[in-house]
Amino acid sequence: MKSKLLCLSLLLAASCSAQADRLSDIQESGVLRVGTTGDYKPFSSFDGKNYAGYDIDVAKHVANQLGVKLELVKTSWKNLIPDLNADKYDIAMGGITRKMQRQLNAEQTQGYMTFGKCFLVAKGTAEKFNTLDKVNGEKFELALM
């Protein structure tokens, strides 16, 4: 039991040390590199010239608090973790959902937003769909676009 506790303590210390080194590296370089896809409104969008969105604002705030410049790095969902591991950026942001595979390959912060689903219905039909029982009881024709 003591050896397991010692191993766990050493792992935690090494993890904290690695994170402290990353922060020191960011502060020393004067740049916080943030990877983002730019295709997931309202968190991160790219119009060909500029990034915008909630997580972009958060990234600007974090860089400002650290006293460093912000560099936004374009990535894709497919390359999110590989680009992080290839040191193309320091952190990734942009409405990233917690997934087991991501958690196994990178540190993830606690979620800050809870999502839900809502129904969009044609104007004037709200009463027809105002409860789950009514929605579940309706037969829908799906049209492929």
N, C-alpha and C. Protein backbone atom coordinates (compact mmCIF):
# COMPACT_ATOMS: atom_id res chain seq x y z
N MET A 1 0.83 -1.19 0.00
CA MET A 1 0.00 0.00 0.00
C MET A 1 0.87 1.25 0.00
N LYS A 2 1.93 1.26 0.83
CA LYS A 2 2.81 2.43 0.89
C LYS A 2 3.50 2.66 -0.44
N SER A 3 3.89 1.56 -1.12
CA SER A 3 4.57 1.72 -2.41
C SER A 3 3.61 2.28 -3.46
N LYS A 4 2.33 1.88 -3.41
CA LYS A 4 1.35 2.42 -4.35
C LYS A 4 1.13 3.90 -4.10
N LEU A 5 1.06 4.29 -2.84
CA LEU A 5 0.88 5.68 -2.48
C LEU A 5 2.09 6.50 -2.91
N LEU A 6 3.29 5.95 -2.74
CA LEU A 6 4.51 6.64 -3.15
C LEU A 6 4.53 6.82 -4.66
N CYS A 7 4.15 5.77 -5.42
CA CYS A 7 4.11 5.86 -6.89
C CYS A 7 3.12 6.93 -7.33
N LEU A 8 1.93 6.95 -6.71
CA LEU A 8 0.92 7.93 -7.05
C LEU A 8 1.43 9.34 -6.75
N SER A 9 2.08 9.52 -5.62
CA SER A 9 2.63 10.83 -5.26
C SER A 9 3.68 11.28 -6.26
N LEU A 10 4.54 10.36 -6.68
CA LEU A 10 5.58 10.69 -7.66
C LEU A 10 4.97 11.07 -9.01
N LEU A 11 3.94 10.33 -9.43
CA LEU A 11 3.27 10.65 -10.68
C LEU A 11 2.62 12.02 -10.63
N LEU A 12 1.95 12.33 -9.53
CA LEU A 12 1.31 13.63 -9.38
C LEU A 12 2.36 14.75 -9.37
N ALA A 13 3.46 14.53 -8.70
CA ALA A 13 4.53 15.53 -8.66
C ALA A 13 5.11 15.75 -10.05
N ALA A 14 5.31 14.68 -10.79
CA ALA A 14 5.85 14.80 -12.15
C ALA A 14 4.86 15.54 -13.05
N SER A 15 3.57 15.26 -12.89
CA SER A 15 2.54 15.93 -13.68
C SER A 15 2.52 17.43 -13.37
N CYS A 16 2.56 17.78 -12.10
CA CYS A 16 2.57 19.19 -11.71
C CYS A 16 3.82 19.87 -12.23
N SER A 17 4.94 19.19 -12.18
CA SER A 17 6.19 19.74 -12.69
C SER A 17 6.10 19.98 -14.18
N ALA A 18 5.53 19.04 -14.93
CA ALA A 18 5.40 19.19 -16.38
C ALA A 18 4.49 20.37 -16.71
N GLN A 19 3.40 20.53 -15.94
CA GLN A 19 2.51 21.65 -16.18
C GLN A 19 3.18 22.96 -15.83
N ALA A 20 3.93 23.00 -14.76
CA ALA A 20 4.65 24.20 -14.38
C ALA A 20 5.68 24.55 -15.44
N ASP A 21 6.36 23.55 -16.01
CA ASP A 21 7.32 23.80 -17.08
C ASP A 21 6.63 24.40 -18.29
N ARG A 22 5.44 23.91 -18.65
CA ARG A 22 4.69 24.42 -19.80
C ARG A 22 4.35 25.88 -19.58
N LEU A 23 3.87 26.22 -18.39
CA LEU A 23 3.54 27.60 -18.09
C LEU A 23 4.78 28.48 -18.15
N SER A 24 5.87 28.00 -17.60
CA SER A 24 7.14 28.75 -17.66
C SER A 24 7.57 28.96 -19.10
N ASP A 25 7.41 27.93 -19.93
CA ASP A 25 7.77 28.04 -21.35
C ASP A 25 6.92 29.10 -22.05
N ILE A 26 5.63 29.13 -21.75
CA ILE A 26 4.73 30.11 -22.35
C ILE A 26 5.13 31.52 -21.92
N GLN A 27 5.37 31.69 -20.63
CA GLN A 27 5.75 33.00 -20.13
C GLN A 27 7.10 33.44 -20.68
N GLU A 28 8.02 32.51 -20.79
CA GLU A 28 9.35 32.82 -21.30
C GLU A 28 9.29 33.20 -22.79
N SER A 29 8.47 32.50 -23.57
CA SER A 29 8.36 32.79 -25.00
C SER A 29 7.54 34.06 -25.24
N GLY A 30 6.68 34.40 -24.30
CA GLY A 30 5.83 35.57 -24.45
C GLY A 30 4.63 35.34 -25.34
N VAL A 31 4.35 34.06 -25.66
CA VAL A 31 3.25 33.73 -26.57
C VAL A 31 2.48 32.52 -26.04
N LEU A 32 1.15 32.64 -26.03
CA LEU A 32 0.27 31.52 -25.74
C LEU A 32 -0.31 31.07 -27.08
N ARG A 33 0.05 29.86 -27.50
CA ARG A 33 -0.44 29.30 -28.78
C ARG A 33 -1.68 28.46 -28.49
N VAL A 34 -2.80 28.85 -29.10
CA VAL A 34 -4.08 28.17 -28.88
C VAL A 34 -4.55 27.56 -30.19
N GLY A 35 -4.72 26.25 -30.21
CA GLY A 35 -5.25 25.56 -31.37
C GLY A 35 -6.76 25.61 -31.35
N THR A 36 -7.36 25.89 -32.50
CA THR A 36 -8.81 25.96 -32.60
C THR A 36 -9.25 25.63 -34.02
N THR A 37 -10.43 25.05 -34.15
CA THR A 37 -10.90 24.64 -35.47
C THR A 37 -11.53 25.78 -36.25
N GLY A 38 -12.10 26.74 -35.55
CA GLY A 38 -12.72 27.87 -36.24
C GLY A 38 -14.01 27.54 -36.96
N ASP A 39 -14.59 26.38 -36.66
CA ASP A 39 -15.81 25.97 -37.36
C ASP A 39 -16.94 25.57 -36.42
N TYR A 40 -16.90 26.07 -35.20
CA TYR A 40 -17.88 25.63 -34.22
C TYR A 40 -18.43 26.83 -33.44
N LYS A 41 -19.37 27.55 -34.09
CA LYS A 41 -20.01 28.69 -33.42
C LYS A 41 -20.87 28.18 -32.28
N PRO A 42 -21.02 28.87 -31.23
CA PRO A 42 -20.54 30.21 -30.95
C PRO A 42 -19.19 30.24 -30.24
N PHE A 43 -18.48 29.12 -30.23
CA PHE A 43 -17.24 29.04 -29.48
C PHE A 43 -16.02 29.51 -30.26
N SER A 44 -15.93 29.08 -31.50
CA SER A 44 -14.78 29.43 -32.33
C SER A 44 -15.21 29.45 -33.79
N SER A 45 -15.11 30.62 -34.41
CA SER A 45 -15.42 30.70 -35.84
C SER A 45 -14.32 31.52 -36.52
N PHE A 46 -14.09 31.19 -37.77
CA PHE A 46 -13.06 31.87 -38.56
C PHE A 46 -13.69 32.30 -39.87
N ASP A 47 -13.61 33.59 -40.18
CA ASP A 47 -14.23 34.11 -41.39
C ASP A 47 -13.25 34.26 -42.55
N GLY A 48 -12.08 33.67 -42.41
CA GLY A 48 -11.05 33.81 -43.44
C GLY A 48 -9.99 34.82 -43.07
N LYS A 49 -10.33 35.71 -42.14
CA LYS A 49 -9.38 36.73 -41.68
C LYS A 49 -9.24 36.74 -40.16
N ASN A 50 -10.37 36.63 -39.49
CA ASN A 50 -10.38 36.76 -38.03
C ASN A 50 -11.13 35.62 -37.36
N TYR A 51 -10.68 35.32 -36.15
CA TYR A 51 -11.37 34.37 -35.29
C TYR A 51 -12.30 35.13 -34.37
N ALA A 52 -13.41 34.52 -34.02
CA ALA A 52 -14.35 35.10 -33.07
C ALA A 52 -15.01 33.98 -32.30
N GLY A 53 -15.63 34.33 -31.18
CA GLY A 53 -16.38 33.36 -30.41
C GLY A 53 -16.04 33.41 -28.94
N TYR A 54 -16.85 32.70 -28.17
CA TYR A 54 -16.69 32.68 -26.71
C TYR A 54 -15.30 32.20 -26.29
N ASP A 55 -14.87 31.05 -26.82
CA ASP A 55 -13.57 30.52 -26.42
C ASP A 55 -12.42 31.38 -26.93
N ILE A 56 -12.61 32.08 -28.02
CA ILE A 56 -11.60 33.01 -28.51
C ILE A 56 -11.46 34.17 -27.52
N ASP A 57 -12.59 34.66 -27.02
CA ASP A 57 -12.57 35.70 -26.00
C ASP A 57 -11.88 35.21 -24.73
N VAL A 58 -12.16 33.97 -24.34
CA VAL A 58 -11.52 33.40 -23.16
C VAL A 58 -10.01 33.28 -23.38
N ALA A 59 -9.60 32.84 -24.57
CA ALA A 59 -8.17 32.72 -24.89
C ALA A 59 -7.48 34.08 -24.81
N LYS A 60 -8.14 35.12 -25.31
CA LYS A 60 -7.58 36.49 -25.23
C LYS A 60 -7.43 36.90 -23.77
N HIS A 61 -8.43 36.59 -22.96
CA HIS A 61 -8.39 36.94 -21.54
C HIS A 61 -7.24 36.21 -20.83
N VAL A 62 -7.09 34.91 -21.10
CA VAL A 62 -6.03 34.13 -20.46
C VAL A 62 -4.66 34.69 -20.86
N ALA A 63 -4.47 34.97 -22.14
CA ALA A 63 -3.19 35.53 -22.61
C ALA A 63 -2.92 36.87 -21.94
N ASN A 64 -3.96 37.69 -21.83
CA ASN A 64 -3.81 38.99 -21.18
C ASN A 64 -3.43 38.83 -19.71
N GLN A 65 -4.08 37.89 -19.02
CA GLN A 65 -3.78 37.66 -17.60
C GLN A 65 -2.35 37.14 -17.40
N LEU A 66 -1.86 36.36 -18.39
CA LEU A 66 -0.49 35.85 -18.32
C LEU A 66 0.53 36.88 -18.77
N GLY A 67 0.06 37.95 -19.38
CA GLY A 67 0.96 38.99 -19.88
C GLY A 67 1.72 38.55 -21.13
N VAL A 68 1.07 37.73 -21.97
CA VAL A 68 1.71 37.24 -23.19
C VAL A 68 0.80 37.53 -24.39
N LYS A 69 1.37 37.41 -25.58
CA LYS A 69 0.58 37.57 -26.81
C LYS A 69 -0.17 36.27 -27.09
N LEU A 70 -1.27 36.41 -27.80
CA LEU A 70 -2.07 35.25 -28.19
C LEU A 70 -1.79 34.93 -29.65
N GLU A 71 -1.51 33.66 -29.94
CA GLU A 71 -1.37 33.18 -31.31
C GLU A 71 -2.40 32.08 -31.51
N LEU A 72 -3.35 32.32 -32.40
CA LEU A 72 -4.37 31.32 -32.71
C LEU A 72 -3.88 30.46 -33.86
N VAL A 73 -3.92 29.15 -33.65
CA VAL A 73 -3.39 28.19 -34.62
C VAL A 73 -4.54 27.35 -35.17
N LYS A 74 -4.69 27.35 -36.49
CA LYS A 74 -5.76 26.57 -37.14
C LYS A 74 -5.46 25.08 -37.01
N THR A 75 -6.47 24.32 -36.60
CA THR A 75 -6.36 22.87 -36.55
C THR A 75 -7.69 22.28 -37.02
N SER A 76 -7.81 20.98 -36.99
CA SER A 76 -9.07 20.32 -37.36
C SER A 76 -9.45 19.38 -36.23
N TRP A 77 -10.69 18.92 -36.25
CA TRP A 77 -11.13 17.98 -35.21
C TRP A 77 -10.31 16.70 -35.28
N LYS A 78 -10.03 16.25 -36.49
CA LYS A 78 -9.25 15.02 -36.67
C LYS A 78 -7.84 15.17 -36.10
N ASN A 79 -7.26 16.36 -36.24
CA ASN A 79 -5.88 16.58 -35.82
C ASN A 79 -5.74 17.29 -34.47
N LEU A 80 -6.83 17.44 -33.76
CA LEU A 80 -6.82 18.17 -32.50
C LEU A 80 -5.75 17.64 -31.54
N ILE A 81 -5.77 16.35 -31.25
CA ILE A 81 -4.80 15.75 -30.32
C ILE A 81 -3.44 15.56 -31.00
N PRO A 82 -3.37 15.05 -32.24
CA PRO A 82 -2.05 14.92 -32.88
C PRO A 82 -1.30 16.26 -32.98
N ASP A 83 -2.00 17.35 -33.30
CA ASP A 83 -1.34 18.65 -33.37
C ASP A 83 -0.87 19.12 -32.00
N LEU A 84 -1.67 18.84 -30.97
CA LEU A 84 -1.26 19.17 -29.60
C LEU A 84 0.00 18.40 -29.23
N ASN A 85 0.00 17.09 -29.53
CA ASN A 85 1.16 16.26 -29.23
C ASN A 85 2.38 16.63 -30.06
N ALA A 86 2.16 17.21 -31.24
CA ALA A 86 3.26 17.64 -32.10
C ALA A 86 3.76 19.04 -31.71
N ASP A 87 3.24 19.59 -30.62
CA ASP A 87 3.64 20.89 -30.09
C ASP A 87 3.35 22.04 -31.05
N LYS A 88 2.26 21.92 -31.82
CA LYS A 88 1.87 23.02 -32.70
C LYS A 88 1.19 24.14 -31.91
N TYR A 89 0.67 23.79 -30.74
CA TYR A 89 0.08 24.78 -29.85
C TYR A 89 0.16 24.27 -28.42
N ASP A 90 -0.05 25.21 -27.48
CA ASP A 90 0.06 24.89 -26.06
C ASP A 90 -1.22 24.30 -25.50
N ILE A 91 -2.34 24.84 -25.94
CA ILE A 91 -3.65 24.35 -25.50
C ILE A 91 -4.60 24.41 -26.70
N ALA A 92 -5.69 23.65 -26.63
CA ALA A 92 -6.72 23.68 -27.66
C ALA A 92 -8.00 24.21 -27.02
N MET A 93 -8.72 25.02 -27.78
CA MET A 93 -9.98 25.59 -27.30
C MET A 93 -10.95 25.68 -28.46
N GLY A 94 -12.23 25.67 -28.14
CA GLY A 94 -13.23 25.86 -29.18
C GLY A 94 -14.43 24.96 -29.03
N GLY A 95 -14.98 24.85 -27.83
CA GLY A 95 -16.16 24.01 -27.62
C GLY A 95 -15.84 22.53 -27.70
N ILE A 96 -14.73 22.13 -27.15
CA ILE A 96 -14.27 20.75 -27.24
C ILE A 96 -15.01 19.87 -26.23
N THR A 97 -15.67 18.87 -26.73
CA THR A 97 -16.44 17.96 -25.90
C THR A 97 -15.53 16.94 -25.23
N ARG A 98 -15.84 16.61 -24.00
CA ARG A 98 -15.09 15.55 -23.30
C ARG A 98 -15.40 14.22 -23.95
N LYS A 99 -14.38 13.54 -24.39
CA LYS A 99 -14.51 12.18 -24.93
C LYS A 99 -13.41 11.34 -24.31
N MET A 100 -13.70 10.06 -24.11
CA MET A 100 -12.75 9.17 -23.47
C MET A 100 -11.39 9.20 -24.18
N GLN A 101 -11.39 9.11 -25.51
CA GLN A 101 -10.14 9.08 -26.25
C GLN A 101 -9.33 10.36 -26.03
N ARG A 102 -10.02 11.50 -25.96
CA ARG A 102 -9.31 12.77 -25.69
C ARG A 102 -8.76 12.77 -24.27
N GLN A 103 -9.53 12.25 -23.33
CA GLN A 103 -9.07 12.22 -21.94
C GLN A 103 -7.88 11.29 -21.75
N LEU A 104 -7.80 10.26 -22.57
CA LEU A 104 -6.66 9.34 -22.48
C LEU A 104 -5.39 9.93 -23.07
N ASN A 105 -5.55 10.92 -23.95
CA ASN A 105 -4.41 11.46 -24.67
C ASN A 105 -4.03 12.89 -24.33
N ALA A 106 -4.84 13.55 -23.51
CA ALA A 106 -4.55 14.94 -23.15
C ALA A 106 -5.25 15.29 -21.85
N GLU A 107 -4.75 16.29 -21.18
CA GLU A 107 -5.41 16.80 -19.98
C GLU A 107 -6.61 17.62 -20.44
N GLN A 108 -7.76 17.49 -19.80
CA GLN A 108 -8.92 18.31 -20.11
C GLN A 108 -9.41 18.99 -18.84
N THR A 109 -9.79 20.25 -18.99
CA THR A 109 -10.31 20.98 -17.85
C THR A 109 -11.73 20.52 -17.55
N GLN A 110 -12.23 20.96 -16.44
CA GLN A 110 -13.63 20.70 -16.10
C GLN A 110 -14.51 21.45 -17.10
N GLY A 111 -15.61 20.88 -17.52
CA GLY A 111 -16.51 21.55 -18.43
C GLY A 111 -17.08 22.81 -17.82
N TYR A 112 -17.38 23.80 -18.64
CA TYR A 112 -17.91 25.05 -18.14
C TYR A 112 -19.31 25.35 -18.67
N MET A 113 -19.85 24.45 -19.50
CA MET A 113 -21.15 24.69 -20.08
C MET A 113 -21.91 23.38 -20.20
N THR A 114 -23.21 23.41 -19.94
CA THR A 114 -24.05 22.24 -20.10
C THR A 114 -24.95 22.47 -21.30
N PHE A 115 -25.02 21.47 -22.15
CA PHE A 115 -25.82 21.60 -23.36
C PHE A 115 -27.08 20.78 -23.26
N GLY A 116 -28.06 21.21 -23.97
CA GLY A 116 -29.31 20.48 -24.05
C GLY A 116 -29.83 20.56 -25.47
N LYS A 117 -30.94 19.96 -25.68
CA LYS A 117 -31.57 19.96 -27.00
C LYS A 117 -32.87 20.75 -26.92
N CYS A 118 -33.25 21.33 -28.02
CA CYS A 118 -34.54 22.00 -28.10
C CYS A 118 -35.16 21.69 -29.45
N PHE A 119 -36.46 21.89 -29.54
CA PHE A 119 -37.17 21.65 -30.78
C PHE A 119 -37.37 22.96 -31.51
N LEU A 120 -37.13 22.94 -32.79
CA LEU A 120 -37.48 24.07 -33.65
C LEU A 120 -38.67 23.61 -34.47
N VAL A 121 -39.74 24.37 -34.38
CA VAL A 121 -40.96 24.00 -35.09
C VAL A 121 -41.42 25.16 -35.96
N ALA A 122 -42.22 24.86 -36.94
CA ALA A 122 -42.75 25.89 -37.83
C ALA A 122 -43.62 26.86 -37.03
N LYS A 123 -43.54 28.11 -37.41
CA LYS A 123 -44.34 29.14 -36.75
C LYS A 123 -45.81 28.75 -36.78
N GLY A 124 -46.46 28.89 -35.63
CA GLY A 124 -47.88 28.57 -35.54
C GLY A 124 -48.17 27.14 -35.12
N THR A 125 -47.12 26.30 -34.94
CA THR A 125 -47.35 24.90 -34.57
C THR A 125 -46.82 24.58 -33.17
N ALA A 126 -46.48 25.59 -32.41
CA ALA A 126 -45.89 25.37 -31.08
C ALA A 126 -46.79 24.53 -30.17
N GLU A 127 -48.10 24.77 -30.19
CA GLU A 127 -49.02 24.02 -29.33
C GLU A 127 -49.04 22.53 -29.70
N LYS A 128 -48.77 22.23 -30.92
CA LYS A 128 -48.76 20.85 -31.39
C LYS A 128 -47.56 20.09 -30.82
N PHE A 129 -46.51 20.82 -30.44
CA PHE A 129 -45.25 20.20 -30.00
C PHE A 129 -44.77 20.73 -28.64
N ASN A 130 -45.65 21.12 -27.75
CA ASN A 130 -45.22 21.77 -26.52
C ASN A 130 -44.95 20.83 -25.34
N THR A 131 -45.05 19.51 -25.55
CA THR A 131 -44.66 18.54 -24.52
C THR A 131 -43.92 17.39 -25.19
N LEU A 132 -43.14 16.67 -24.41
CA LEU A 132 -42.43 15.51 -24.96
C LEU A 132 -43.41 14.44 -25.42
N ASP A 133 -44.51 14.27 -24.69
CA ASP A 133 -45.52 13.28 -25.10
C ASP A 133 -46.08 13.63 -26.48
N LYS A 134 -46.35 14.91 -26.71
CA LYS A 134 -46.87 15.32 -28.02
C LYS A 134 -45.82 15.10 -29.11
N VAL A 135 -44.57 15.44 -28.82
CA VAL A 135 -43.51 15.25 -29.80
C VAL A 135 -43.33 13.77 -30.10
N ASN A 136 -43.29 12.95 -29.06
CA ASN A 136 -43.10 11.51 -29.24
C ASN A 136 -44.28 10.85 -29.95
N GLY A 137 -45.47 11.45 -29.83
CA GLY A 137 -46.65 10.86 -30.45
C GLY A 137 -46.82 11.22 -31.91
N GLU A 138 -46.08 12.20 -32.39
CA GLU A 138 -46.21 12.64 -33.78
C GLU A 138 -45.43 11.74 -34.71
N LYS A 139 -45.94 11.56 -35.89
CA LYS A 139 -45.23 10.84 -36.94
C LYS A 139 -44.60 11.88 -37.84
N PHE A 140 -43.32 11.71 -38.07
CA PHE A 140 -42.60 12.69 -38.86
C PHE A 140 -42.13 12.08 -40.17
N GLU A 141 -42.15 12.90 -41.18
CA GLU A 141 -41.54 12.50 -42.45
C GLU A 141 -40.23 13.26 -42.53
N LEU A 142 -39.15 12.52 -42.67
CA LEU A 142 -37.85 13.15 -42.77
C LEU A 142 -37.50 13.34 -44.23
N ALA A 143 -37.07 14.52 -44.55
CA ALA A 143 -36.65 14.80 -45.92
C ALA A 143 -35.15 14.98 -45.93
N LEU A 144 -34.51 14.28 -46.80
CA LEU A 144 -33.06 14.43 -46.93
C LEU A 144 -32.78 15.61 -47.83
N MET A 145 -31.90 16.47 -47.38
CA MET A 145 -31.55 17.64 -48.17
C MET A 145 -30.24 17.42 -48.88
